[in-house]
Amino acid sequence: MSDFRGATCRRYDLVPAGKSATGTSWAARWPPSFTAERSRMGFFDWVFGWLGLGLRSPAKTAGSAPPGSPGDSLGQPGETETQFRTRNRNYAKVALTPRTFRATRAGGEHPEERRATGDWPYKFARRAPDPARWLDLSRDADRVRLAQFGLPVLETPEDLARWLQVELGELAWLSGHFHFGGRPDSVARSHYHYSWIEKRSGGRRLIEAPKARLKHLQTQILRCILDRVPPHRAAHGFVAGRSILSNAAPHVGQRVLVQFDLSDFYPSVSYSRVVAIFRSLGFSREVGCWLARLTTSAVPHELLTGPSSTRFGSRFDSDHELYLRRHLPQGAPTSPALANLSAFVLDLRLAGLARAFQAHYTRYADDLTFSGGTRFQRSLAVFIPLARQIIRGERFSIHPLKFRVRRRGQRQTVTGVVVNDHLNVSRADFDRLKAILHNCARHGPASQNRSQLPDFAGHLRGRIAHVQMINPRRAAKLVALFGQIDWTR
């Protein structure tokens, strides 16, 4: 399993608690109900199990199938729930067993590749702990890895400047090398435009749109580097050939739907994680740091603490910390691709967890969705804590107000698409849009343009196109109503 962090990382195997993890694949045996298991254990056993420290496995009863035997499957054809519970009652609770290892790479780094030298190796080289010497961080590029993805061989800042077709001094200015501490001292000196927008769930979100020159370089990095690296197949947001429909399709007609929402998705991806992404693609340490500085942002202090700052409730302190450190800016063209790559290991682990519980998993940006049948529904008490543990282990946080479990009798919606029986648009959304079009045709479009949109016709066409993508048959009625509108009124 490749880890984009490129350093010591933790891997978890799904094993019965108290057993040793000897393989590298997901394997699991779990009781149908965590509450039933908890009722049979002592208080301290339950506490240790809840903390992930393992449980003491009870002695097997006579006639129970040993692990690995043909009778030790996740369910036999025609088996009732009672029989399944009886056969699995002596299994310990499933736990995530951490396995720590150090990732290696072909042509990996050797001590002499980061040696200090008395000669100035290249412009903007870093000084060694000995002020009379310099660090050469350009010798650890992995050319084989770069060729695998079809990426340019860049080892020094001069190589990067030539590839981007800019002067080295301008590149250093755009990457913040001339800012004290790498942070602009004012909004006017920053390379980003800042604006606050209201969140539907409350609070505010900071939009950081790069200025023209930096945006041009970021677009080249996106087209020539990041677009050539495929994200995990469970990621559907901001990926060519995938959409909200491909994200919702695996969850059609499922018994239960479980949804998580990652809080502050872009600001949670730090500068060090972005450096690790570029390093894992094969770039040298020096170029990885320069690319990361071009694609991350650290907002000036005055934006959050000055007179023009906007404090937004009790969440100000946490957001203040996230935005002050270097992070992915929401508004940069490179941020969606880098966010998907930073969540690669998260997708890998959650997809493995979902397979172990016979469930489906997809992710659209910060929206995580799981779905499955009856067996998955019975195992939610075990599955949900494990999923939370994996998300926290990958250094993401879960929005406390956006966790949802929706069963068959409720309306199941994935990224705005209803998936109960087939892909469909919400009845409320359809009726609301139909009423707007009807009133436009009857009273004129000005009566419905309450937000004073400059291109209200384009706005309506976009909403109709969204419905047409999901359900073309229902969209035909909206197209007919749109054709009846007199736009001269």
Protein backbone atom coordinates (compact mmCIF):
# COMPACT_ATOMS: atom_id res chain seq x y z
CA MET A 1 0.00 0.00 0.00
CA SER A 2 1.54 3.31 -1.02
CA ASP A 3 1.30 6.14 1.48
CA PHE A 4 1.52 9.70 0.17
CA ARG A 5 2.90 10.85 3.49
CA GLY A 6 6.22 9.29 2.51
CA ALA A 7 7.32 8.79 6.13
CA THR A 8 6.59 6.54 9.05
CA CYS A 9 2.92 5.65 8.84
CA ARG A 10 0.45 3.37 10.56
CA ARG A 11 -1.40 0.55 8.93
CA TYR A 12 -4.37 -1.20 10.47
CA ASP A 13 -5.53 -4.73 9.85
CA LEU A 14 -9.03 -5.79 10.81
CA VAL A 15 -8.61 -8.76 13.13
CA PRO A 16 -10.45 -10.29 16.09
CA ALA A 17 -9.23 -8.60 19.24
CA GLY A 18 -6.68 -10.70 21.07
CA LYS A 19 -5.48 -12.32 17.85
CA SER A 20 -2.21 -11.42 16.12
CA ALA A 21 -2.23 -9.71 12.75
CA THR A 22 0.07 -11.70 10.49
CA GLY A 23 -1.31 -10.80 7.05
CA THR A 24 -1.56 -7.57 5.13
CA SER A 25 -5.07 -8.00 3.77
CA TRP A 26 -8.35 -7.12 5.41
CA ALA A 27 -9.92 -9.98 7.25
CA ALA A 28 -12.66 -9.76 9.81
CA ARG A 29 -15.04 -11.72 11.94
CA TRP A 30 -17.52 -9.77 13.98
CA PRO A 31 -20.64 -10.47 15.98
CA PRO A 32 -23.91 -9.27 14.46
CA SER A 33 -24.52 -6.89 17.35
CA PHE A 34 -21.97 -5.02 19.42
CA THR A 35 -24.54 -4.47 22.17
CA ALA A 36 -25.10 -8.22 22.54
CA GLU A 37 -21.35 -8.73 22.93
CA ARG A 38 -21.08 -5.87 25.40
CA SER A 39 -23.81 -7.33 27.61
CA ARG A 40 -21.77 -10.52 28.09
CA MET A 41 -18.50 -8.86 29.08
CA GLY A 42 -17.30 -7.26 32.29
CA PHE A 43 -17.07 -3.53 32.74
CA PHE A 44 -13.27 -3.31 32.44
CA ASP A 45 -13.30 -5.65 29.44
CA TRP A 46 -15.77 -3.32 27.76
CA VAL A 47 -13.67 -0.23 28.59
CA PHE A 48 -10.48 -1.85 27.24
CA GLY A 49 -12.31 -2.95 24.11
CA TRP A 50 -13.80 0.51 23.58
CA LEU A 51 -10.29 1.98 23.82
CA GLY A 52 -9.08 -0.49 21.18
CA LEU A 53 -6.86 -2.41 23.65
CA GLY A 54 -8.45 -5.76 22.84
CA LEU A 55 -10.69 -8.16 24.72
CA ARG A 56 -10.07 -11.45 26.42
CA SER A 57 -11.47 -14.05 24.07
CA PRO A 58 -13.91 -16.34 25.85
CA ALA A 59 -13.38 -20.04 25.75
CA LYS A 60 -14.92 -21.74 22.78
CA THR A 61 -17.94 -23.90 23.34
CA ALA A 62 -18.07 -27.40 22.07
CA GLY A 63 -19.09 -27.69 18.46
CA SER A 64 -18.13 -24.15 17.45
CA ALA A 65 -16.28 -23.87 14.17
CA PRO A 66 -12.61 -22.88 14.51
CA PRO A 67 -11.45 -19.78 12.66
CA GLY A 68 -10.49 -20.52 9.09
CA SER A 69 -12.67 -23.63 8.86
CA PRO A 70 -15.35 -23.98 6.16
CA GLY A 71 -18.02 -23.28 8.75
CA ASP A 72 -16.37 -20.04 9.78
CA SER A 73 -17.80 -17.85 7.03
CA LEU A 74 -19.75 -14.60 7.26
CA GLY A 75 -22.98 -16.40 6.67
CA GLN A 76 -24.18 -19.70 5.25
CA PRO A 77 -26.88 -19.94 2.55
CA GLY A 78 -30.28 -20.12 4.22
CA GLU A 79 -28.86 -19.40 7.66
CA THR A 80 -31.17 -17.50 10.01
CA GLU A 81 -30.08 -14.62 12.18
CA THR A 82 -30.33 -16.75 15.34
CA GLN A 83 -28.08 -19.42 13.83
CA PHE A 84 -25.61 -16.78 12.73
CA ARG A 85 -25.51 -15.24 16.21
CA THR A 86 -25.08 -18.67 17.84
CA ARG A 87 -22.22 -19.65 15.55
CA ASN A 88 -20.39 -16.35 16.09
CA ARG A 89 -21.16 -15.68 19.74
CA ASN A 90 -17.65 -16.58 20.97
CA TYR A 91 -15.74 -14.33 18.61
CA ALA A 92 -14.04 -11.34 20.16
CA LYS A 93 -15.00 -7.83 19.11
CA VAL A 94 -13.34 -6.58 15.94
CA ALA A 95 -10.53 -4.11 16.59
CA LEU A 96 -8.06 -2.14 14.49
CA THR A 97 -4.58 -3.45 15.23
CA PRO A 98 -1.92 -0.80 14.44
CA ARG A 99 1.05 -1.89 12.38
CA THR A 100 3.86 0.63 12.13
CA PHE A 101 6.28 0.47 9.23
CA ARG A 102 8.55 2.82 7.34
CA ALA A 103 7.67 3.36 3.70
CA THR A 104 10.49 2.83 1.19
CA ARG A 105 10.88 3.90 -2.39
CA ALA A 106 12.80 2.63 -5.36
CA GLY A 107 16.11 4.44 -5.39
CA GLY A 108 15.42 5.56 -1.83
CA GLU A 109 17.22 8.30 -0.03
CA HIS A 110 20.69 7.60 1.37
CA PRO A 111 22.45 9.67 4.03
CA GLU A 112 24.95 11.06 1.52
CA GLU A 113 22.09 12.40 -0.65
CA ARG A 114 21.33 15.02 2.01
CA ARG A 115 24.91 15.73 2.96
CA ALA A 116 26.21 19.15 3.78
CA THR A 117 28.72 20.64 1.41
CA GLY A 118 31.04 23.60 1.55
CA ASP A 119 30.15 24.66 -2.00
CA TRP A 120 26.94 26.48 -2.84
CA PRO A 121 25.00 23.72 -4.68
CA TYR A 122 22.29 25.92 -6.24
CA LYS A 123 20.48 29.20 -5.69
CA PHE A 124 18.23 29.39 -2.63
CA ALA A 125 19.94 26.37 -1.07
CA ARG A 126 19.44 26.00 2.69
CA ARG A 127 22.26 26.35 5.16
CA ALA A 128 23.33 23.34 7.19
CA PRO A 129 23.51 23.46 11.01
CA ASP A 130 27.11 24.48 10.40
CA PRO A 131 26.71 28.03 8.98
CA ALA A 132 29.73 27.51 6.74
CA ARG A 133 28.10 24.61 4.90
CA TRP A 134 25.01 24.10 2.70
CA LEU A 135 22.38 21.37 2.40
CA ASP A 136 21.98 19.78 -1.02
CA LEU A 137 18.38 18.53 -1.14
CA SER A 138 18.29 17.96 -4.88
CA ARG A 139 19.86 14.49 -5.08
CA ASP A 140 16.97 12.30 -3.96
CA ALA A 141 14.69 12.55 -7.01
CA ASP A 142 13.25 9.23 -8.12
CA ARG A 143 13.50 9.26 -11.93
CA VAL A 144 11.84 5.87 -12.25
CA ARG A 145 8.82 7.09 -10.33
CA LEU A 146 8.65 10.30 -12.37
CA ALA A 147 8.78 8.31 -15.61
CA GLN A 148 5.99 6.04 -14.37
CA PHE A 149 3.61 9.01 -14.21
CA GLY A 150 5.11 10.82 -17.20
CA LEU A 151 6.27 13.77 -15.09
CA PRO A 152 9.15 16.16 -15.80
CA VAL A 153 12.49 15.56 -14.10
CA LEU A 154 12.94 18.55 -11.78
CA GLU A 155 15.67 18.51 -9.14
CA THR A 156 16.61 22.12 -8.34
CA PRO A 157 14.74 25.46 -8.15
CA GLU A 158 16.40 26.45 -11.43
CA ASP A 159 14.88 23.37 -13.10
CA LEU A 160 11.44 24.29 -11.78
CA ALA A 161 11.76 27.92 -12.93
CA ARG A 162 12.77 26.85 -16.45
CA TRP A 163 9.88 24.39 -16.62
CA LEU A 164 7.38 27.04 -15.50
CA GLN A 165 9.02 29.58 -17.85
CA VAL A 166 9.52 32.24 -15.19
CA GLU A 167 12.56 33.93 -13.68
CA LEU A 168 13.88 32.29 -10.53
CA GLY A 169 13.47 35.51 -8.57
CA GLU A 170 9.83 35.83 -9.57
CA LEU A 171 9.24 32.19 -8.65
CA ALA A 172 10.75 32.79 -5.20
CA TRP A 173 8.52 35.86 -4.78
CA LEU A 174 5.37 33.93 -5.74
CA SER A 175 6.25 31.07 -3.40
CA GLY A 176 6.68 33.43 -0.43
CA HIS A 177 10.43 33.12 0.05
CA PHE A 178 10.73 36.87 0.56
CA HIS A 179 7.98 37.00 3.21
CA PHE A 180 9.09 36.90 6.82
CA GLY A 181 8.30 33.41 8.08
CA GLY A 182 6.77 32.57 4.69
CA ARG A 183 3.65 34.62 5.51
CA PRO A 184 2.63 37.95 3.91
CA ASP A 185 2.61 40.79 6.41
CA SER A 186 -0.59 42.29 4.96
CA VAL A 187 -3.49 41.43 2.69
CA ALA A 188 -2.21 43.85 0.05
CA ARG A 189 1.11 41.98 -0.20
CA SER A 190 -0.52 38.55 -0.44
CA HIS A 191 -0.83 36.62 -3.70
CA TYR A 192 -4.47 35.76 -2.92
CA HIS A 193 -7.80 37.57 -2.87
CA TYR A 194 -9.76 36.78 0.31
CA SER A 195 -13.50 36.71 0.90
CA TRP A 196 -15.79 35.23 3.53
CA ILE A 197 -18.95 33.35 2.56
CA GLU A 198 -21.69 32.05 4.80
CA LYS A 199 -22.00 28.30 5.38
CA ARG A 200 -25.43 26.73 5.23
CA SER A 201 -24.63 24.89 8.46
CA GLY A 202 -23.58 28.11 10.20
CA GLY A 203 -20.31 29.98 10.46
CA ARG A 204 -18.19 31.27 7.60
CA ARG A 205 -15.77 29.85 5.06
CA LEU A 206 -12.68 31.64 3.80
CA ILE A 207 -12.28 31.65 0.01
CA GLU A 208 -8.69 32.24 -1.13
CA ALA A 209 -8.57 32.95 -4.88
CA PRO A 210 -5.03 33.25 -6.30
CA LYS A 211 -4.12 36.35 -8.26
CA ALA A 212 -3.56 36.06 -11.99
CA ARG A 213 0.18 35.32 -12.06
CA LEU A 214 0.13 32.67 -9.35
CA LYS A 215 -3.05 31.14 -10.79
CA HIS A 216 -1.30 30.69 -14.14
CA LEU A 217 1.52 28.70 -12.52
CA GLN A 218 -0.92 26.64 -10.44
CA THR A 219 -2.89 25.76 -13.57
CA GLN A 220 0.28 24.48 -15.24
CA ILE A 221 1.10 22.38 -12.17
CA LEU A 222 -2.43 20.98 -12.27
CA ARG A 223 -2.46 20.12 -15.99
CA CYS A 224 1.09 18.78 -16.30
CA ILE A 225 1.59 17.08 -12.92
CA LEU A 226 -1.49 16.49 -10.78
CA ASP A 227 -3.88 15.50 -13.58
CA ARG A 228 -1.51 12.66 -14.50
CA VAL A 229 -1.77 11.04 -11.07
CA PRO A 230 -4.98 9.02 -10.65
CA PRO A 231 -6.81 9.34 -7.32
CA HIS A 232 -8.41 6.40 -5.55
CA ARG A 233 -11.29 4.87 -7.47
CA ALA A 234 -13.65 5.67 -4.58
CA ALA A 235 -13.04 9.42 -5.08
CA HIS A 236 -15.61 11.00 -7.42
CA GLY A 237 -15.31 14.73 -6.75
CA PHE A 238 -13.29 16.85 -9.21
CA VAL A 239 -12.19 13.79 -11.21
CA ALA A 240 -12.54 13.63 -14.99
CA GLY A 241 -15.21 11.17 -16.07
CA ARG A 242 -16.85 11.03 -12.63
CA SER A 243 -19.70 13.07 -11.19
CA ILE A 244 -22.39 13.14 -8.53
CA LEU A 245 -24.15 10.38 -10.50
CA SER A 246 -21.18 8.01 -10.41
CA ASN A 247 -20.84 8.83 -6.71
CA ALA A 248 -24.49 7.98 -6.00
CA ALA A 249 -24.94 4.96 -8.31
CA PRO A 250 -23.30 2.31 -6.02
CA HIS A 251 -25.78 3.18 -3.24
CA VAL A 252 -29.04 2.68 -5.18
CA GLY A 253 -31.55 0.37 -3.48
CA GLN A 254 -29.46 -0.37 -0.39
CA ARG A 255 -30.89 -1.28 2.99
CA VAL A 256 -29.08 1.41 4.99
CA LEU A 257 -27.02 4.52 4.19
CA VAL A 258 -24.29 5.91 6.50
CA GLN A 259 -22.84 9.35 5.76
CA PHE A 260 -19.94 11.29 7.29
CA ASP A 261 -18.85 14.84 6.48
CA LEU A 262 -15.25 15.96 6.95
CA SER A 263 -14.96 19.28 8.72
CA ASP A 264 -12.67 21.97 7.21
CA PHE A 265 -11.49 19.61 4.48
CA TYR A 266 -9.12 21.95 2.62
CA PRO A 267 -7.58 23.76 5.62
CA SER A 268 -6.96 20.36 7.25
CA VAL A 269 -4.41 19.49 4.54
CA SER A 270 -1.19 21.01 5.80
CA TYR A 271 1.98 22.07 4.01
CA SER A 272 3.87 18.99 5.18
CA ARG A 273 1.25 16.68 3.65
CA VAL A 274 1.49 18.50 0.32
CA VAL A 275 5.29 18.18 0.38
CA ALA A 276 4.88 14.44 1.01
CA ILE A 277 2.54 14.16 -2.00
CA PHE A 278 5.07 15.70 -4.39
CA ARG A 279 7.88 13.65 -2.82
CA SER A 280 5.90 10.44 -3.33
CA LEU A 281 5.58 11.28 -7.05
CA GLY A 282 9.39 11.23 -7.35
CA PHE A 283 10.41 14.88 -7.07
CA SER A 284 13.44 15.82 -5.03
CA ARG A 285 12.98 17.21 -1.57
CA GLU A 286 13.93 20.70 -2.73
CA VAL A 287 11.46 20.79 -5.63
CA GLY A 288 8.77 19.19 -3.47
CA CYS A 289 9.07 22.06 -1.00
CA TRP A 290 8.89 24.69 -3.76
CA LEU A 291 5.85 23.07 -5.40
CA ALA A 292 4.14 22.85 -2.00
CA ARG A 293 4.76 26.54 -1.31
CA LEU A 294 3.26 27.44 -4.70
CA THR A 295 0.08 25.46 -3.97
CA THR A 296 -0.49 26.27 -0.27
CA SER A 297 -1.31 29.49 1.54
CA ALA A 298 -0.77 31.08 4.93
CA VAL A 299 -3.10 34.02 5.45
CA PRO A 300 -1.77 37.26 6.97
CA HIS A 301 -2.49 37.81 10.63
CA GLU A 302 -4.50 40.96 10.01
CA LEU A 303 -7.14 39.02 8.07
CA LEU A 304 -8.18 37.11 11.21
CA THR A 305 -7.06 39.39 14.02
CA GLY A 306 -7.17 42.90 12.55
CA PRO A 307 -10.05 45.39 12.48
CA SER A 308 -11.44 43.89 9.25
CA SER A 309 -11.57 40.36 10.62
CA THR A 310 -14.87 38.63 11.27
CA ARG A 311 -15.22 36.45 14.33
CA PHE A 312 -17.74 33.71 13.72
CA GLY A 313 -18.97 32.19 16.92
CA SER A 314 -17.27 29.67 19.16
CA ARG A 315 -15.49 28.00 16.22
CA PHE A 316 -13.23 31.02 15.70
CA ASP A 317 -10.26 29.59 17.59
CA SER A 318 -10.08 26.31 15.64
CA ASP A 319 -10.50 28.02 12.28
CA HIS A 320 -7.95 30.64 13.32
CA GLU A 321 -5.35 27.93 13.87
CA LEU A 322 -6.14 26.11 10.61
CA TYR A 323 -5.86 29.22 8.45
CA LEU A 324 -2.73 30.63 10.09
CA ARG A 325 -0.61 27.60 9.23
CA ARG A 326 0.15 26.80 5.59
CA HIS A 327 -2.78 24.89 4.11
CA LEU A 328 -4.63 24.15 0.88
CA PRO A 329 -6.47 27.32 -0.17
CA GLN A 330 -10.11 26.81 -1.13
CA GLY A 331 -10.25 28.62 -4.46
CA ALA A 332 -6.93 27.55 -6.01
CA PRO A 333 -7.13 25.30 -9.11
CA THR A 334 -4.69 22.78 -7.61
CA SER A 335 -6.49 22.31 -4.29
CA PRO A 336 -9.15 19.73 -5.32
CA ALA A 337 -6.57 17.40 -6.89
CA LEU A 338 -4.18 17.73 -3.95
CA ALA A 339 -7.04 17.15 -1.50
CA ASN A 340 -7.97 13.93 -3.31
CA LEU A 341 -4.36 12.71 -3.21
CA SER A 342 -4.02 13.63 0.46
CA ALA A 343 -7.08 11.45 1.17
CA PHE A 344 -5.74 8.50 -0.84
CA VAL A 345 -4.81 6.45 2.22
CA LEU A 346 -8.10 7.42 3.88
CA ASP A 347 -9.98 6.09 0.84
CA LEU A 348 -7.83 2.96 0.78
CA ARG A 349 -8.51 2.10 4.40
CA LEU A 350 -12.23 2.98 4.35
CA ALA A 351 -12.73 0.98 1.15
CA GLY A 352 -11.08 -2.01 2.82
CA LEU A 353 -13.25 -1.57 5.90
CA ALA A 354 -16.36 -1.40 3.73
CA ARG A 355 -15.39 -4.60 1.89
CA ALA A 356 -14.92 -6.40 5.20
CA PHE A 357 -18.48 -5.46 6.15
CA GLN A 358 -19.86 -6.20 2.64
CA ALA A 359 -20.68 -2.53 2.06
CA HIS A 360 -20.08 0.09 -0.64
CA TYR A 361 -17.96 3.22 -0.15
CA THR A 362 -17.61 6.43 -2.17
CA ARG A 363 -16.30 9.92 -1.42
CA TYR A 364 -17.21 13.20 -3.12
CA ALA A 365 -14.82 15.84 -1.78
CA ASP A 366 -15.59 15.90 1.97
CA ASP A 367 -18.78 13.74 1.79
CA LEU A 368 -18.19 10.10 2.75
CA THR A 369 -20.97 7.59 2.02
CA PHE A 370 -21.34 3.90 2.95
CA SER A 371 -24.25 1.63 2.12
CA GLY A 372 -25.10 -2.04 2.39
CA GLY A 373 -27.70 -4.70 2.98
CA THR A 374 -29.13 -6.38 6.05
CA ARG A 375 -25.83 -7.71 7.36
CA PHE A 376 -24.22 -4.26 7.15
CA GLN A 377 -27.21 -2.76 8.95
CA ARG A 378 -26.86 -5.26 11.81
CA SER A 379 -23.16 -4.42 12.16
CA LEU A 380 -23.45 -0.63 12.39
CA ALA A 381 -22.63 -0.62 16.11
CA VAL A 382 -19.24 -2.11 15.24
CA PHE A 383 -18.68 -0.42 11.87
CA ILE A 384 -19.29 3.23 12.84
CA PRO A 385 -16.66 3.38 15.66
CA LEU A 386 -14.11 1.74 13.36
CA ALA A 387 -14.81 4.24 10.58
CA ARG A 388 -14.47 7.13 13.03
CA GLN A 389 -11.17 5.73 14.27
CA ILE A 390 -9.78 5.51 10.73
CA ILE A 391 -10.85 9.07 9.87
CA ARG A 392 -9.22 10.45 13.01
CA GLY A 393 -6.12 8.34 12.37
CA GLU A 394 -5.71 9.98 8.97
CA ARG A 395 -5.79 13.43 10.64
CA PHE A 396 -9.21 14.50 9.45
CA SER A 397 -12.08 15.59 11.65
CA ILE A 398 -15.78 14.69 11.39
CA HIS A 399 -18.43 17.38 11.34
CA PRO A 400 -20.53 16.58 14.44
CA LEU A 401 -23.80 17.85 12.94
CA LYS A 402 -23.59 16.09 9.56
CA PHE A 403 -23.42 12.45 10.52
CA ARG A 404 -26.49 10.59 9.21
CA VAL A 405 -27.86 7.04 9.18
CA ARG A 406 -30.83 6.60 6.84
CA ARG A 407 -32.69 3.35 6.43
CA ARG A 408 -34.89 2.03 3.67
CA GLY A 409 -38.07 3.71 4.89
CA GLN A 410 -36.47 7.17 4.82
CA ARG A 411 -35.44 9.30 1.87
CA GLN A 412 -31.85 8.38 1.07
CA THR A 413 -29.92 11.18 -0.64
CA VAL A 414 -26.30 11.11 -1.83
CA THR A 415 -24.80 14.40 -3.07
CA GLY A 416 -28.28 15.71 -3.81
CA VAL A 417 -29.43 12.58 -5.70
CA VAL A 418 -32.20 10.37 -4.30
CA VAL A 419 -31.11 6.70 -4.37
CA ASN A 420 -33.96 4.78 -2.72
CA ASP A 421 -35.08 2.87 -5.85
CA HIS A 422 -33.21 4.59 -8.71
CA LEU A 423 -31.31 7.80 -9.36
CA ASN A 424 -33.81 10.61 -9.07
CA VAL A 425 -34.15 14.26 -8.18
CA SER A 426 -35.79 15.28 -4.93
CA ARG A 427 -39.53 15.84 -5.27
CA ALA A 428 -39.31 19.08 -3.27
CA ASP A 429 -36.55 20.47 -5.50
CA PHE A 430 -38.43 19.48 -8.65
CA ASP A 431 -41.72 21.01 -7.49
CA ARG A 432 -39.98 24.21 -6.41
CA LEU A 433 -38.26 24.65 -9.78
CA LYS A 434 -41.47 23.79 -11.63
CA ALA A 435 -43.36 26.46 -9.64
CA ILE A 436 -40.72 29.09 -10.46
CA LEU A 437 -40.93 28.32 -14.18
CA HIS A 438 -44.72 28.36 -14.08
CA ASN A 439 -44.79 31.77 -12.35
CA CYS A 440 -42.21 33.13 -14.79
CA ALA A 441 -44.40 32.13 -17.71
CA ARG A 442 -47.50 33.58 -16.04
CA HIS A 443 -46.22 36.75 -14.32
CA GLY A 444 -42.90 37.40 -16.04
CA PRO A 445 -39.34 36.39 -15.00
CA ALA A 446 -38.76 39.61 -13.04
CA SER A 447 -41.33 38.49 -10.45
CA GLN A 448 -39.26 35.39 -9.59
CA ASN A 449 -35.75 36.88 -9.72
CA ARG A 450 -35.78 37.80 -6.03
CA SER A 451 -31.97 37.65 -5.74
CA GLN A 452 -31.56 40.07 -8.68
CA LEU A 453 -29.32 37.68 -10.60
CA PRO A 454 -27.85 39.37 -13.70
CA ASP A 455 -28.31 36.23 -15.84
CA PHE A 456 -31.51 34.75 -14.45
CA ALA A 457 -32.19 32.82 -17.67
CA GLY A 458 -28.79 31.11 -17.46
CA HIS A 459 -29.45 30.33 -13.81
CA LEU A 460 -32.71 28.56 -14.69
CA ARG A 461 -31.12 26.70 -17.61
CA GLY A 462 -28.44 25.40 -15.27
CA ARG A 463 -30.99 24.11 -12.77
CA ILE A 464 -32.96 22.44 -15.57
CA ALA A 465 -29.75 20.83 -16.89
CA HIS A 466 -29.07 19.41 -13.43
CA VAL A 467 -32.48 17.73 -13.37
CA GLN A 468 -32.00 16.55 -16.96
CA MET A 469 -28.72 14.86 -16.03
CA ILE A 470 -30.44 12.88 -13.26
CA ASN A 471 -33.89 12.21 -14.75
CA PRO A 472 -34.34 13.26 -18.43
CA ARG A 473 -38.01 12.24 -18.49
CA ARG A 474 -39.01 14.62 -15.70
CA ALA A 475 -36.79 17.35 -17.09
CA ALA A 476 -38.79 17.38 -20.35
CA LYS A 477 -41.68 19.04 -18.48
CA LEU A 478 -39.38 21.77 -17.21
CA VAL A 479 -37.96 22.40 -20.67
CA ALA A 480 -41.50 22.87 -22.02
CA LEU A 481 -42.30 25.41 -19.27
CA PHE A 482 -39.06 27.28 -19.90
CA GLY A 483 -39.99 27.66 -23.55
CA GLN A 484 -43.21 29.45 -22.56
CA ILE A 485 -41.43 32.30 -20.74
CA ASP A 486 -41.54 35.75 -22.35
CA TRP A 487 -38.16 37.27 -21.47
CA THR A 488 -39.18 40.72 -22.72
CA ARG A 489 -41.60 41.21 -19.81
